[in-house]
Protein backbone atom coordinates (compact mmCIF):
# COMPACT_ATOMS: atom_id res chain seq x y z
CA UNK A 1 41.92 16.61 8.54
CA UNK A 2 40.18 15.87 5.26
CA UNK A 3 40.03 12.14 6.01
CA UNK A 4 38.22 12.79 9.32
CA UNK A 5 35.57 14.84 7.56
CA UNK A 6 35.09 12.13 4.93
CA UNK A 7 34.84 9.46 7.61
CA UNK A 8 32.27 11.47 9.57
CA UNK A 9 30.31 12.17 6.40
CA UNK A 10 30.33 8.48 5.49
CA UNK A 11 29.04 7.54 8.94
CA UNK A 12 26.11 9.88 8.42
CA UNK A 13 25.38 9.14 4.76
CA UNK A 14 25.37 5.36 5.00
CA UNK A 15 22.46 5.07 7.49
CA UNK A 16 20.59 7.83 5.64
CA UNK A 17 20.98 5.87 2.40
CA UNK A 18 19.58 2.72 4.00
CA UNK A 19 16.62 4.65 5.41
CA UNK A 20 15.77 6.20 2.05
CA UNK A 21 16.23 2.85 0.31
CA UNK A 22 13.81 1.14 2.70
CA UNK A 23 11.25 3.90 2.22
CA UNK A 24 11.54 3.64 -1.56
CA UNK A 25 11.09 -0.14 -1.46
CA UNK A 26 7.94 0.21 0.63
CA UNK A 27 6.56 2.89 -1.67
CA UNK A 28 7.24 0.74 -4.73
CA UNK A 29 5.33 -2.23 -3.34
CA UNK A 30 2.40 -0.21 -2.04
CA UNK A 31 1.46 0.69 1.48
CA UNK A 32 0.23 -1.93 3.90
CA UNK A 33 -2.98 -1.19 5.80
CA UNK A 34 -4.41 -2.19 9.14
CA UNK A 35 -7.80 -3.75 9.75
CA UNK A 36 -8.91 -0.49 11.38
CA UNK A 37 -8.14 1.44 8.19
CA UNK A 38 -10.19 -1.06 6.18
CA UNK A 39 -13.36 -0.21 8.10
CA UNK A 40 -12.99 3.47 7.16
CA UNK A 41 -13.60 2.71 3.47
CA UNK A 42 -17.27 2.88 2.48
CA UNK A 43 -19.27 2.61 -0.73
CA UNK A 44 -19.51 5.95 -2.52
CA UNK A 45 -16.07 7.28 -1.55
CA UNK A 46 -13.89 8.74 -4.28
CA UNK A 47 -10.51 7.33 -5.26
CA UNK A 48 -8.87 10.42 -3.73
CA UNK A 49 -10.58 9.81 -0.39
CA UNK A 50 -9.48 6.16 -0.40
CA UNK A 51 -5.89 7.13 -1.21
CA UNK A 52 -5.88 9.71 1.60
CA UNK A 53 -6.90 7.02 4.09
CA UNK A 54 -4.99 3.97 2.79
CA UNK A 55 -2.22 5.41 0.64
CA UNK A 56 -1.02 3.93 -2.65
CA UNK A 57 -2.27 0.41 -3.40
CA UNK A 58 0.09 -2.53 -3.82
CA UNK A 59 -1.66 -3.44 -7.10
CA UNK A 60 -4.20 -1.91 -9.46
CA UNK A 61 -6.07 -4.33 -11.72
CA UNK A 62 -8.74 -3.69 -14.34
CA UNK A 63 -10.94 -6.72 -14.92
CA UNK A 64 -12.91 -6.98 -18.19
CA UNK A 65 -16.24 -7.52 -16.44
CA UNK A 66 -15.74 -4.77 -13.84
CA UNK A 67 -16.87 -1.20 -14.46
CA UNK A 68 -13.68 0.26 -12.94
CA UNK A 69 -10.32 -0.72 -11.46
CA UNK A 70 -9.70 -2.74 -8.30
CA UNK A 71 -7.07 -1.52 -5.86
CA UNK A 72 -5.40 -4.17 -3.70
CA UNK A 73 -3.67 -3.51 -0.38
CA UNK A 74 -1.68 -5.85 1.87
CA UNK A 75 -3.13 -6.08 5.40
CA UNK A 76 -0.72 -5.94 8.34
CA UNK A 77 -1.38 -7.84 11.51
CA UNK A 78 -4.13 -9.97 10.04
CA UNK A 79 -5.00 -12.94 12.28
CA UNK A 80 -4.88 -15.43 9.41
CA UNK A 81 -1.49 -14.72 7.87
CA UNK A 82 -1.33 -13.25 4.39
CA UNK A 83 -4.44 -11.13 3.79
CA UNK A 84 -5.33 -8.64 1.06
CA UNK A 85 -7.93 -5.90 1.02
CA UNK A 86 -9.57 -5.05 -2.32
CA UNK A 87 -11.35 -1.80 -3.12
CA UNK A 88 -13.50 -1.94 -6.27
CA UNK A 89 -14.38 1.24 -8.16
CA UNK A 90 -17.21 1.97 -10.58
CA UNK A 91 -16.96 3.80 -13.89
CA UNK A 92 -17.56 7.07 -12.02
CA UNK A 93 -14.46 6.56 -9.84
CA UNK A 94 -16.45 5.89 -6.67
CA UNK A 95 -16.13 2.82 -4.42
CA UNK A 96 -18.70 0.16 -5.32
CA UNK A 97 -17.46 -2.58 -2.99
CA UNK A 98 -14.71 -3.80 -0.69
CA UNK A 99 -13.48 -7.30 0.08
CA UNK A 100 -10.94 -8.87 2.44
CA UNK A 101 -9.25 -11.97 1.06
CA UNK A 102 -7.23 -14.50 3.03
CA UNK A 103 -4.57 -15.92 0.76
CA UNK A 104 -3.98 -19.65 0.99
CA UNK A 105 -0.96 -21.62 -0.11
CA UNK A 106 -2.61 -22.16 -3.51
CA UNK A 107 -2.72 -18.40 -4.38
């Protein structure tokens, strides 16, 4: 009787483990966004507002010449293959600009 319970438990735990593992991998690499979500981001939004709409960025970079960080997101379903969406912030934590970049083979 104990072996049946262990077998049934294993059948349930294994798929659950894979599901949680996949979710953790996606969270670690940042959330991917759609082109529709990109259009919702406007100059003047706060970092909190951007994160509520797009989620965690794939990368956060602080350039020397920029007043604040740049958040980069991977775009899903882009017509030109690998595309990234950048959200630039000012020193006050508000969006100062957005840019969509199509990544070539050189990048």
